[in-house]
Amino acid sequence: MARHTLEIHGAELGYRDIRVMDDLSVTIPEGQITTLIGPNGSGKSTILHALARILKPRRGSVLLDGRNIHDHPTREVAKVLALLPQAPHAPDGLSVWELVSFGRFPYRGWFDADAPDDRQVVEEALDAVGLEDLATRPVATLSGGQRQRVWIAMALAQQTGLILLDEPTTYLDPGHQIEILDLLRRLNRREGKTIVMALHDLNLAARYADFMVVVFNGGVLAADAPERVLTSDVLRNAFGLDAEIIPDPRRGTPMCVVYSDRAVSPDNPEDKESVRRSRSCCCDSPSTGS
């Protein structure tokens, strides 16, 4: 699997007259799983849209393999990078096979029939997510976990080295969340795919990540390995949480235990000081690009 570099340098991102991110810099580690965490509205989806070439920076740049991503032809980007948006919706009546086959569009025209090579790729994608026996089923008849696996199979059919996912576990029960995250980790470990995903569950984000980015207040509060990022200070400042970090009893990854007996306020001088400590200890990694 060919690997590709993806990075943001000094970017200002926003929508119309609303600025969401300012002077954002982050480098996505090749061949690893990166999780984006942060409060609602912090800009996680905005970062993914910028990385996927959907949102053009007002200032700064997004680089794919060292070249401005907006200078790459659209079809070529689609052969390198796949995006699974938040809560995607399939048209009524579409079968599993038909949806997964959409991933082959970068390699053929819109009205071209499936070639033998395309059919083989779709079969392999369905096999990878364990849905080969459901190929003819309408997508609408599947469970939430099965539908999410169909969308991941479509991304696999694009045969890209980079997969971006915006909250892929949203609306799934805990069992299906683990199922999807285990699948993504297998794709990373066995096929070397670079995975970038926004997650809300802090403990799952830490468990599955090689690299973690905390998005807060229009920028990156911390970016490093989970054991360096998931700290009490970071959680206090990004989420307003009073939390203790302990090792996961099985995996040893950081796990947060949240308490509700102390309100955390950004106006509290003690909390302001912990923001300063969070930035100084977690944002000095060269991978942040800062």
C-alpha atoms as a PDB file:
ATOM      1  CA  MET A   1       0.000   0.000   0.000  1.00  0.00           C
ATOM      2  CA  ALA A   2       1.505   3.316  -1.103  1.00  0.00           C
ATOM      3  CA  ARG A   3       1.620   5.859   1.694  1.00  0.00           C
ATOM      4  CA  HIS A   4       0.851   9.532   1.304  1.00  0.00           C
ATOM      5  CA  THR A   5       1.606  12.577   3.408  1.00  0.00           C
ATOM      6  CA  LEU A   6      -1.178  14.923   4.531  1.00  0.00           C
ATOM      7  CA  GLU A   7      -0.666  18.121   6.484  1.00  0.00           C
ATOM      8  CA  ILE A   8      -2.150  21.523   7.230  1.00  0.00           C
ATOM      9  CA  HIS A   9       0.035  24.618   7.531  1.00  0.00           C
ATOM     10  CA  GLY A  10      -1.053  27.931   9.050  1.00  0.00           C
ATOM     11  CA  ALA A  11      -4.627  27.546   7.851  1.00  0.00           C
ATOM     12  CA  GLU A  12      -7.574  29.791   8.548  1.00  0.00           C
ATOM     13  CA  LEU A  13     -10.770  27.801   8.041  1.00  0.00           C
ATOM     14  CA  GLY A  14     -14.372  28.897   8.112  1.00  0.00           C
ATOM     15  CA  TYR A  15     -17.748  29.094   6.432  1.00  0.00           C
ATOM     16  CA  ARG A  16     -18.930  32.361   4.863  1.00  0.00           C
ATOM     17  CA  ASP A  17     -18.344  35.046   7.513  1.00  0.00           C
ATOM     18  CA  ILE A  18     -17.720  32.587  10.356  1.00  0.00           C
ATOM     19  CA  ARG A  19     -14.118  31.783  11.232  1.00  0.00           C
ATOM     20  CA  VAL A  20     -13.772  28.341  12.822  1.00  0.00           C
ATOM     21  CA  MET A  21     -10.015  27.716  12.899  1.00  0.00           C
ATOM     22  CA  ASP A  22      -7.153  30.199  12.920  1.00  0.00           C
ATOM     23  CA  ASP A  23      -3.479  29.518  12.153  1.00  0.00           C
ATOM     24  CA  LEU A  24      -4.056  25.754  12.258  1.00  0.00           C
ATOM     25  CA  SER A  25      -1.066  23.477  11.696  1.00  0.00           C
ATOM     26  CA  VAL A  26      -1.066  19.703  12.054  1.00  0.00           C
ATOM     27  CA  THR A  27       0.678  16.808  10.320  1.00  0.00           C
ATOM     28  CA  ILE A  28      -1.073  13.448   9.982  1.00  0.00           C
ATOM     29  CA  PRO A  29       1.373  10.597  10.747  1.00  0.00           C
ATOM     30  CA  GLU A  30       1.703   8.178   7.845  1.00  0.00           C
ATOM     31  CA  GLY A  31       0.442   4.636   8.344  1.00  0.00           C
ATOM     32  CA  GLN A  32      -1.057   5.367  11.761  1.00  0.00           C
ATOM     33  CA  ILE A  33      -4.477   5.929  13.321  1.00  0.00           C
ATOM     34  CA  THR A  34      -5.128   9.538  14.290  1.00  0.00           C
ATOM     35  CA  THR A  35      -8.152  10.488  16.380  1.00  0.00           C
ATOM     36  CA  LEU A  36      -9.541  14.013  16.620  1.00  0.00           C
ATOM     37  CA  ILE A  37     -11.284  14.858  19.878  1.00  0.00           C
ATOM     38  CA  GLY A  38     -12.805  18.084  21.141  1.00  0.00           C
ATOM     39  CA  PRO A  39     -16.091  19.593  22.300  1.00  0.00           C
ATOM     40  CA  ASN A  40     -19.036  20.044  19.953  1.00  0.00           C
ATOM     41  CA  GLY A  41     -18.422  22.886  17.540  1.00  0.00           C
ATOM     42  CA  SER A  42     -14.666  22.909  18.118  1.00  0.00           C
ATOM     43  CA  GLY A  43     -13.840  22.264  14.463  1.00  0.00           C
ATOM     44  CA  LYS A  44     -13.193  18.520  14.142  1.00  0.00           C
ATOM     45  CA  SER A  45     -15.432  18.183  11.081  1.00  0.00           C
ATOM     46  CA  THR A  46     -13.977  21.400   9.659  1.00  0.00           C
ATOM     47  CA  ILE A  47     -10.482  19.910   9.836  1.00  0.00           C
ATOM     48  CA  LEU A  48     -11.650  16.743   8.075  1.00  0.00           C
ATOM     49  CA  HIS A  49     -13.360  18.806   5.348  1.00  0.00           C
ATOM     50  CA  ALA A  50     -10.143  20.750   4.809  1.00  0.00           C
ATOM     51  CA  LEU A  51      -8.053  17.566   4.675  1.00  0.00           C
ATOM     52  CA  ALA A  52     -10.524  16.059   2.183  1.00  0.00           C
ATOM     53  CA  ARG A  53     -10.369  19.081  -0.171  1.00  0.00           C
ATOM     54  CA  ILE A  54     -14.029  19.950   0.489  1.00  0.00           C
ATOM     55  CA  LEU A  55     -13.189  23.193   2.296  1.00  0.00           C
ATOM     56  CA  LYS A  56     -10.507  25.507   0.928  1.00  0.00           C
ATOM     57  CA  PRO A  57      -8.477  27.455   3.499  1.00  0.00           C
ATOM     58  CA  ARG A  58      -8.878  31.215   3.444  1.00  0.00           C
ATOM     59  CA  ARG A  59      -5.218  31.415   4.367  1.00  0.00           C
ATOM     60  CA  GLY A  60      -2.505  28.800   4.650  1.00  0.00           C
ATOM     61  CA  SER A  61      -2.517  25.459   2.874  1.00  0.00           C
ATOM     62  CA  VAL A  62      -3.354  21.771   2.962  1.00  0.00           C
ATOM     63  CA  LEU A  63      -0.597  19.661   1.452  1.00  0.00           C
ATOM     64  CA  LEU A  64      -1.031  16.216  -0.067  1.00  0.00           C
ATOM     65  CA  ASP A  65       2.336  14.619  -0.758  1.00  0.00           C
ATOM     66  CA  GLY A  66       3.973  18.029  -0.346  1.00  0.00           C
ATOM     67  CA  ARG A  67       1.759  19.767  -2.920  1.00  0.00           C
ATOM     68  CA  ASN A  68      -1.258  21.992  -2.341  1.00  0.00           C
ATOM     69  CA  ILE A  69      -4.223  19.622  -2.382  1.00  0.00           C
ATOM     70  CA  HIS A  70      -6.268  22.084  -4.449  1.00  0.00           C
ATOM     71  CA  ASP A  71      -3.677  21.845  -7.234  1.00  0.00           C
ATOM     72  CA  HIS A  72      -4.326  18.096  -7.580  1.00  0.00           C
ATOM     73  CA  PRO A  73      -7.025  16.983 -10.057  1.00  0.00           C
ATOM     74  CA  THR A  74     -10.195  15.851  -8.283  1.00  0.00           C
ATOM     75  CA  ARG A  75     -10.061  12.342  -9.712  1.00  0.00           C
ATOM     76  CA  GLU A  76      -6.465  11.890  -8.572  1.00  0.00           C
ATOM     77  CA  VAL A  77      -7.308  13.015  -5.022  1.00  0.00           C
ATOM     78  CA  ALA A  78     -10.167  10.490  -4.967  1.00  0.00           C
ATOM     79  CA  LYS A  79      -7.676   7.720  -5.755  1.00  0.00           C
ATOM     80  CA  VAL A  80      -5.579   8.688  -2.736  1.00  0.00           C
ATOM     81  CA  LEU A  81      -8.100   9.827  -0.126  1.00  0.00           C
ATOM     82  CA  ALA A  82     -11.587   8.686   0.895  1.00  0.00           C
ATOM     83  CA  LEU A  83     -13.953  10.530   3.241  1.00  0.00           C
ATOM     84  CA  LEU A  84     -16.792   8.929   5.184  1.00  0.00           C
ATOM     85  CA  PRO A  85     -18.997  11.826   6.360  1.00  0.00           C
ATOM     86  CA  GLN A  86     -21.019  11.954   9.529  1.00  0.00           C
ATOM     87  CA  ALA A  87     -24.288   9.960   9.330  1.00  0.00           C
ATOM     88  CA  PRO A  88     -24.199   9.286   5.547  1.00  0.00           C
ATOM     89  CA  HIS A  89     -27.473   8.433   3.827  1.00  0.00           C
ATOM     90  CA  ALA A  90     -27.937   6.013   0.917  1.00  0.00           C
ATOM     91  CA  PRO A  91     -30.649   6.607  -1.700  1.00  0.00           C
ATOM     92  CA  ASP A  92     -33.770   4.483  -1.245  1.00  0.00           C
ATOM     93  CA  GLY A  93     -33.658   1.075  -2.894  1.00  0.00           C
ATOM     94  CA  LEU A  94     -29.888   0.986  -3.315  1.00  0.00           C
ATOM     95  CA  SER A  95     -28.332  -2.423  -2.714  1.00  0.00           C
ATOM     96  CA  VAL A  96     -25.161  -3.083  -0.764  1.00  0.00           C
ATOM     97  CA  TRP A  97     -23.303  -3.993  -3.966  1.00  0.00           C
ATOM     98  CA  GLU A  98     -24.455  -0.845  -5.754  1.00  0.00           C
ATOM     99  CA  LEU A  99     -23.368   1.449  -2.946  1.00  0.00           C
ATOM    100  CA  VAL A 100     -19.946  -0.162  -2.587  1.00  0.00           C
ATOM    101  CA  SER A 101     -19.442  -0.001  -6.366  1.00  0.00           C
ATOM    102  CA  PHE A 102     -19.701   3.812  -6.168  1.00  0.00           C
ATOM    103  CA  GLY A 103     -16.167   3.648  -4.783  1.00  0.00           C
ATOM    104  CA  ARG A 104     -14.952   2.696  -8.249  1.00  0.00           C
ATOM    105  CA  PHE A 105     -16.022   5.982  -9.878  1.00  0.00           C
ATOM    106  CA  PRO A 106     -12.531   7.564  -9.702  1.00  0.00           C
ATOM    107  CA  TYR A 107     -11.322   4.758 -11.985  1.00  0.00           C
ATOM    108  CA  ARG A 108     -14.049   4.899 -14.627  1.00  0.00           C
ATOM    109  CA  GLY A 109     -16.680   7.188 -16.131  1.00  0.00           C
ATOM    110  CA  TRP A 110     -20.042   7.820 -14.494  1.00  0.00           C
ATOM    111  CA  PHE A 111     -21.895   5.832 -17.130  1.00  0.00           C
ATOM    112  CA  ASP A 112     -19.347   3.061 -17.738  1.00  0.00           C
ATOM    113  CA  ALA A 113     -20.393  -0.486 -16.865  1.00  0.00           C
ATOM    114  CA  ASP A 114     -18.528  -2.416 -14.180  1.00  0.00           C
ATOM    115  CA  ALA A 115     -15.359  -3.978 -15.545  1.00  0.00           C
ATOM    116  CA  PRO A 116     -14.144  -7.378 -14.270  1.00  0.00           C
ATOM    117  CA  ASP A 117     -11.459  -5.614 -12.223  1.00  0.00           C
ATOM    118  CA  ASP A 118     -14.094  -3.374 -10.619  1.00  0.00           C
ATOM    119  CA  ARG A 119     -16.229  -6.357  -9.629  1.00  0.00           C
ATOM    120  CA  GLN A 120     -13.235  -8.071  -8.059  1.00  0.00           C
ATOM    121  CA  VAL A 121     -12.379  -4.966  -6.020  1.00  0.00           C
ATOM    122  CA  VAL A 122     -15.988  -4.668  -4.788  1.00  0.00           C
ATOM    123  CA  GLU A 123     -16.018  -8.353  -3.822  1.00  0.00           C
ATOM    124  CA  GLU A 124     -12.768  -7.937  -1.901  1.00  0.00           C
ATOM    125  CA  ALA A 125     -14.107  -4.834  -0.123  1.00  0.00           C
ATOM    126  CA  LEU A 126     -17.265  -6.656   0.947  1.00  0.00           C
ATOM    127  CA  ASP A 127     -15.220  -9.610   2.124  1.00  0.00           C
ATOM    128  CA  ALA A 128     -12.955  -7.313   4.159  1.00  0.00           C
ATOM    129  CA  VAL A 129     -15.938  -5.955   6.125  1.00  0.00           C
ATOM    130  CA  GLY A 130     -17.707  -9.341   6.367  1.00  0.00           C
ATOM    131  CA  LEU A 131     -20.737  -8.464   4.205  1.00  0.00           C
ATOM    132  CA  GLU A 132     -20.190 -10.652   1.154  1.00  0.00           C
ATOM    133  CA  ASP A 133     -23.383 -12.605   1.926  1.00  0.00           C
ATOM    134  CA  LEU A 134     -25.475  -9.411   2.005  1.00  0.00           C
ATOM    135  CA  ALA A 135     -24.412  -7.971  -1.349  1.00  0.00           C
ATOM    136  CA  THR A 136     -27.927  -8.002  -2.832  1.00  0.00           C
ATOM    137  CA  ARG A 137     -29.705  -6.684   0.259  1.00  0.00           C
ATOM    138  CA  PRO A 138     -31.085  -3.122   0.229  1.00  0.00           C
ATOM    139  CA  VAL A 139     -28.914  -0.923   2.409  1.00  0.00           C
ATOM    140  CA  ALA A 140     -32.009   0.375   4.207  1.00  0.00           C
ATOM    141  CA  THR A 141     -32.777  -3.102   5.601  1.00  0.00           C
ATOM    142  CA  LEU A 142     -29.443  -3.424   7.429  1.00  0.00           C
ATOM    143  CA  SER A 143     -28.632  -2.684  11.048  1.00  0.00           C
ATOM    144  CA  GLY A 144     -26.726   0.455  11.956  1.00  0.00           C
ATOM    145  CA  GLY A 145     -23.451  -1.408  12.332  1.00  0.00           C
ATOM    146  CA  GLN A 146     -23.928  -3.217   9.017  1.00  0.00           C
ATOM    147  CA  ARG A 147     -24.724   0.043   7.203  1.00  0.00           C
ATOM    148  CA  GLN A 148     -21.575   1.640   8.550  1.00  0.00           C
ATOM    149  CA  ARG A 149     -19.553  -1.336   7.330  1.00  0.00           C
ATOM    150  CA  VAL A 150     -21.088  -0.867   3.867  1.00  0.00           C
ATOM    151  CA  TRP A 151     -19.862   2.726   3.778  1.00  0.00           C
ATOM    152  CA  ILE A 152     -16.419   1.625   4.898  1.00  0.00           C
ATOM    153  CA  ALA A 153     -16.461  -1.003   2.131  1.00  0.00           C
ATOM    154  CA  MET A 154     -17.221   1.771  -0.377  1.00  0.00           C
ATOM    155  CA  ALA A 155     -14.167   3.635   0.892  1.00  0.00           C
ATOM    156  CA  LEU A 156     -12.110   0.442   0.533  1.00  0.00           C
ATOM    157  CA  ALA A 157     -13.327   0.081  -3.054  1.00  0.00           C
ATOM    158  CA  GLN A 158     -11.671   3.437  -3.782  1.00  0.00           C
ATOM    159  CA  GLN A 159      -8.363   1.720  -2.957  1.00  0.00           C
ATOM    160  CA  THR A 160      -6.988   4.772  -1.171  1.00  0.00           C
ATOM    161  CA  GLY A 161      -4.130   4.883   1.288  1.00  0.00           C
ATOM    162  CA  LEU A 162      -5.907   7.547   3.379  1.00  0.00           C
ATOM    163  CA  ILE A 163      -9.353   7.154   4.960  1.00  0.00           C
ATOM    164  CA  LEU A 164     -11.001  10.041   6.824  1.00  0.00           C
ATOM    165  CA  LEU A 165     -14.072   9.338   8.972  1.00  0.00           C
ATOM    166  CA  ASP A 166     -16.302  11.864  10.726  1.00  0.00           C
ATOM    167  CA  GLU A 167     -17.683  10.234  13.882  1.00  0.00           C
ATOM    168  CA  PRO A 168     -18.022   6.719  12.414  1.00  0.00           C
ATOM    169  CA  THR A 169     -19.532   5.353  15.649  1.00  0.00           C
ATOM    170  CA  THR A 170     -22.352   7.918  15.943  1.00  0.00           C
ATOM    171  CA  TYR A 171     -25.763   6.356  16.709  1.00  0.00           C
ATOM    172  CA  LEU A 172     -24.206   2.894  17.205  1.00  0.00           C
ATOM    173  CA  ASP A 173     -24.564   0.842  20.368  1.00  0.00           C
ATOM    174  CA  PRO A 174     -21.345  -0.055  22.245  1.00  0.00           C
ATOM    175  CA  GLY A 175     -21.021  -3.461  20.575  1.00  0.00           C
ATOM    176  CA  HIS A 176     -21.242  -2.020  17.082  1.00  0.00           C
ATOM    177  CA  GLN A 177     -18.876   0.810  18.008  1.00  0.00           C
ATOM    178  CA  ILE A 178     -16.187  -1.712  18.954  1.00  0.00           C
ATOM    179  CA  GLU A 179     -16.937  -3.718  15.802  1.00  0.00           C
ATOM    180  CA  ILE A 180     -16.331  -0.687  13.560  1.00  0.00           C
ATOM    181  CA  LEU A 181     -13.226   0.474  15.401  1.00  0.00           C
ATOM    182  CA  ASP A 182     -11.741  -3.038  15.376  1.00  0.00           C
ATOM    183  CA  LEU A 183     -12.343  -3.152  11.621  1.00  0.00           C
ATOM    184  CA  LEU A 184     -10.565   0.167  11.113  1.00  0.00           C
ATOM    185  CA  ARG A 185      -7.619  -0.983  13.213  1.00  0.00           C
ATOM    186  CA  ARG A 186      -7.325  -4.173  11.143  1.00  0.00           C
ATOM    187  CA  LEU A 187      -7.264  -2.081   7.950  1.00  0.00           C
ATOM    188  CA  ASN A 188      -4.498   0.009   9.453  1.00  0.00           C
ATOM    189  CA  ARG A 189      -2.395  -2.836  10.822  1.00  0.00           C
ATOM    190  CA  ARG A 190      -2.793  -5.299   7.939  1.00  0.00           C
ATOM    191  CA  GLU A 191      -2.961  -2.970   4.945  1.00  0.00           C
ATOM    192  CA  GLY A 192      -1.058   0.036   6.224  1.00  0.00           C
ATOM    193  CA  LYS A 193      -3.889   2.479   5.630  1.00  0.00           C
ATOM    194  CA  THR A 194      -3.634   5.864   7.302  1.00  0.00           C
ATOM    195  CA  ILE A 195      -6.834   6.438   9.301  1.00  0.00           C
ATOM    196  CA  VAL A 196      -8.022   9.826  10.570  1.00  0.00           C
ATOM    197  CA  MET A 197     -11.285   9.922  12.515  1.00  0.00           C
ATOM    198  CA  ALA A 198     -13.216  12.255  14.767  1.00  0.00           C
ATOM    199  CA  LEU A 199     -14.599  10.540  17.865  1.00  0.00           C
ATOM    200  CA  HIS A 200     -16.608  11.679  20.880  1.00  0.00           C
ATOM    201  CA  ASP A 201     -15.821   8.779  23.215  1.00  0.00           C
ATOM    202  CA  LEU A 202     -12.541   9.804  24.840  1.00  0.00           C
ATOM    203  CA  ASN A 203     -11.622   6.348  26.093  1.00  0.00           C
ATOM    204  CA  LEU A 204     -12.225   4.692  22.721  1.00  0.00           C
ATOM    205  CA  ALA A 205     -10.298   7.475  21.020  1.00  0.00           C
ATOM    206  CA  ALA A 206      -7.325   6.819  23.303  1.00  0.00           C
ATOM    207  CA  ARG A 207      -7.591   3.033  22.964  1.00  0.00           C
ATOM    208  CA  TYR A 208      -7.478   2.964  19.176  1.00  0.00           C
ATOM    209  CA  ALA A 209      -5.239   5.941  18.415  1.00  0.00           C
ATOM    210  CA  ASP A 210      -1.538   6.034  17.692  1.00  0.00           C
ATOM    211  CA  PHE A 211      -1.755   9.819  17.556  1.00  0.00           C
ATOM    212  CA  MET A 212      -4.366  12.072  19.152  1.00  0.00           C
ATOM    213  CA  VAL A 213      -5.287  15.682  18.349  1.00  0.00           C
ATOM    214  CA  VAL A 214      -7.315  17.798  20.766  1.00  0.00           C
ATOM    215  CA  VAL A 215      -9.217  20.520  18.913  1.00  0.00           C
ATOM    216  CA  PHE A 216     -10.199  23.527  21.016  1.00  0.00           C
ATOM    217  CA  ASN A 217     -10.911  27.235  20.694  1.00  0.00           C
ATOM    218  CA  GLY A 218     -10.040  27.520  17.012  1.00  0.00           C
ATOM    219  CA  GLY A 219      -6.815  25.545  17.112  1.00  0.00           C
ATOM    220  CA  VAL A 220      -4.936  22.525  18.411  1.00  0.00           C
ATOM    221  CA  LEU A 221      -4.641  22.353  22.193  1.00  0.00           C
ATOM    222  CA  ALA A 222      -2.567  19.167  22.199  1.00  0.00           C
ATOM    223  CA  ALA A 223      -1.254  16.680  19.642  1.00  0.00           C
ATOM    224  CA  ASP A 224       0.842  13.659  20.494  1.00  0.00           C
ATOM    225  CA  ALA A 225       0.570  10.027  21.594  1.00  0.00           C
ATOM    226  CA  PRO A 226      -2.587   9.386  23.679  1.00  0.00           C
ATOM    227  CA  GLU A 227      -0.645   8.866  26.899  1.00  0.00           C
ATOM    228  CA  ARG A 228       0.783  12.384  26.576  1.00  0.00           C
ATOM    229  CA  VAL A 229      -2.411  14.042  25.383  1.00  0.00           C
ATOM    230  CA  LEU A 230      -5.126  12.573  27.585  1.00  0.00           C
ATOM    231  CA  THR A 231      -4.310  14.344  30.851  1.00  0.00           C
ATOM    232  CA  SER A 232      -6.417  15.911  33.566  1.00  0.00           C
ATOM    233  CA  ASP A 233      -5.311  19.399  32.516  1.00  0.00           C
ATOM    234  CA  VAL A 234      -6.235  18.850  28.873  1.00  0.00           C
ATOM    235  CA  LEU A 235      -9.661  17.461  29.748  1.00  0.00           C
ATOM    236  CA  ARG A 236     -10.269  20.314  32.170  1.00  0.00           C
ATOM    237  CA  ASN A 237      -9.493  22.924  29.546  1.00  0.00           C
ATOM    238  CA  ALA A 238     -11.003  21.375  26.431  1.00  0.00           C
ATOM    239  CA  PHE A 239     -14.148  19.901  27.959  1.00  0.00           C
ATOM    240  CA  GLY A 240     -14.535  21.534  31.371  1.00  0.00           C
ATOM    241  CA  LEU A 241     -14.206  18.135  33.014  1.00  0.00           C
ATOM    242  CA  ASP A 242     -12.858  17.201  36.402  1.00  0.00           C
ATOM    243  CA  ALA A 243     -11.287  13.858  35.546  1.00  0.00           C
ATOM    244  CA  GLU A 244      -8.649  11.422  36.701  1.00  0.00           C
ATOM    245  CA  ILE A 245      -6.564   9.455  34.191  1.00  0.00           C
ATOM    246  CA  ILE A 246      -5.834   5.806  34.973  1.00  0.00           C
ATOM    247  CA  PRO A 247      -4.395   2.978  32.840  1.00  0.00           C
ATOM    248  CA  ASP A 248      -6.875   0.759  31.048  1.00  0.00           C
ATOM    249  CA  PRO A 249      -6.736  -2.490  33.062  1.00  0.00           C
ATOM    250  CA  ARG A 250      -6.334  -4.651  29.936  1.00  0.00           C
ATOM    251  CA  ARG A 251      -4.589  -2.527  27.325  1.00  0.00           C
ATOM    252  CA  GLY A 252      -2.730   0.001  29.442  1.00  0.00           C
ATOM    253  CA  THR A 253      -3.973   2.923  27.345  1.00  0.00           C
ATOM    254  CA  PRO A 254      -5.074   6.064  29.214  1.00  0.00           C
ATOM    255  CA  MET A 255      -8.645   5.953  30.485  1.00  0.00           C
ATOM    256  CA  CYS A 256     -10.490   8.913  31.970  1.00  0.00           C
ATOM    257  CA  VAL A 257     -12.782   8.724  34.991  1.00  0.00           C
ATOM    258  CA  VAL A 258     -14.999  11.806  35.138  1.00  0.00           C
ATOM    259  CA  TYR A 259     -16.325  13.386  38.328  1.00  0.00           C
ATOM    260  CA  SER A 260     -19.144  15.903  38.663  1.00  0.00           C
ATOM    261  CA  ASP A 261     -18.513  17.347  42.114  1.00  0.00           C
ATOM    262  CA  ARG A 262     -16.474  20.295  40.873  1.00  0.00           C
ATOM    263  CA  ALA A 263     -17.518  22.722  38.176  1.00  0.00           C
ATOM    264  CA  VAL A 264     -14.665  23.772  35.894  1.00  0.00           C
ATOM    265  CA  SER A 265     -14.768  27.334  34.602  1.00  0.00           C
ATOM    266  CA  PRO A 266     -12.567  29.075  32.032  1.00  0.00           C
ATOM    267  CA  ASP A 267     -12.793  32.202  34.240  1.00  0.00           C
ATOM    268  CA  ASN A 268     -11.219  30.411  37.199  1.00  0.00           C
ATOM    269  CA  PRO A 269      -7.532  31.508  37.567  1.00  0.00           C
ATOM    270  CA  GLU A 270      -6.522  27.933  38.462  1.00  0.00           C
ATOM    271  CA  ASP A 271      -8.168  26.627  35.294  1.00  0.00           C
ATOM    272  CA  LYS A 272      -6.504  29.339  33.176  1.00  0.00           C
ATOM    273  CA  GLU A 273      -3.140  28.232  34.508  1.00  0.00           C
ATOM    274  CA  SER A 274      -3.862  24.609  33.572  1.00  0.00           C
ATOM    275  CA  VAL A 275      -4.583  25.752  29.993  1.00  0.00           C
ATOM    276  CA  ARG A 276      -1.093  27.217  29.875  1.00  0.00           C
ATOM    277  CA  ARG A 277       0.396  23.982  31.208  1.00  0.00           C
ATOM    278  CA  SER A 278      -1.596  21.894  28.705  1.00  0.00           C
ATOM    279  CA  ARG A 279      -0.298  23.880  25.752  1.00  0.00           C
ATOM    280  CA  SER A 280       3.308  23.854  26.944  1.00  0.00           C
ATOM    281  CA  CYS A 281       3.452  20.092  27.602  1.00  0.00           C
ATOM    282  CA  CYS A 282       1.445  18.754  24.675  1.00  0.00           C
ATOM    283  CA  CYS A 283       1.915  21.134  21.761  1.00  0.00           C
ATOM    284  CA  ASP A 284       5.705  21.002  21.478  1.00  0.00           C
ATOM    285  CA  SER A 285       5.671  17.841  19.332  1.00  0.00           C
ATOM    286  CA  PRO A 286       7.119  18.361  15.817  1.00  0.00           C
ATOM    287  CA  SER A 287       4.058  16.553  14.437  1.00  0.00           C
ATOM    288  CA  THR A 288       1.841  19.535  15.286  1.00  0.00           C
ATOM    289  CA  GLY A 289       3.625  21.635  12.735  1.00  0.00           C
ATOM    290  CA  SER A 290       3.767  24.518  15.234  1.00  0.00           C
END
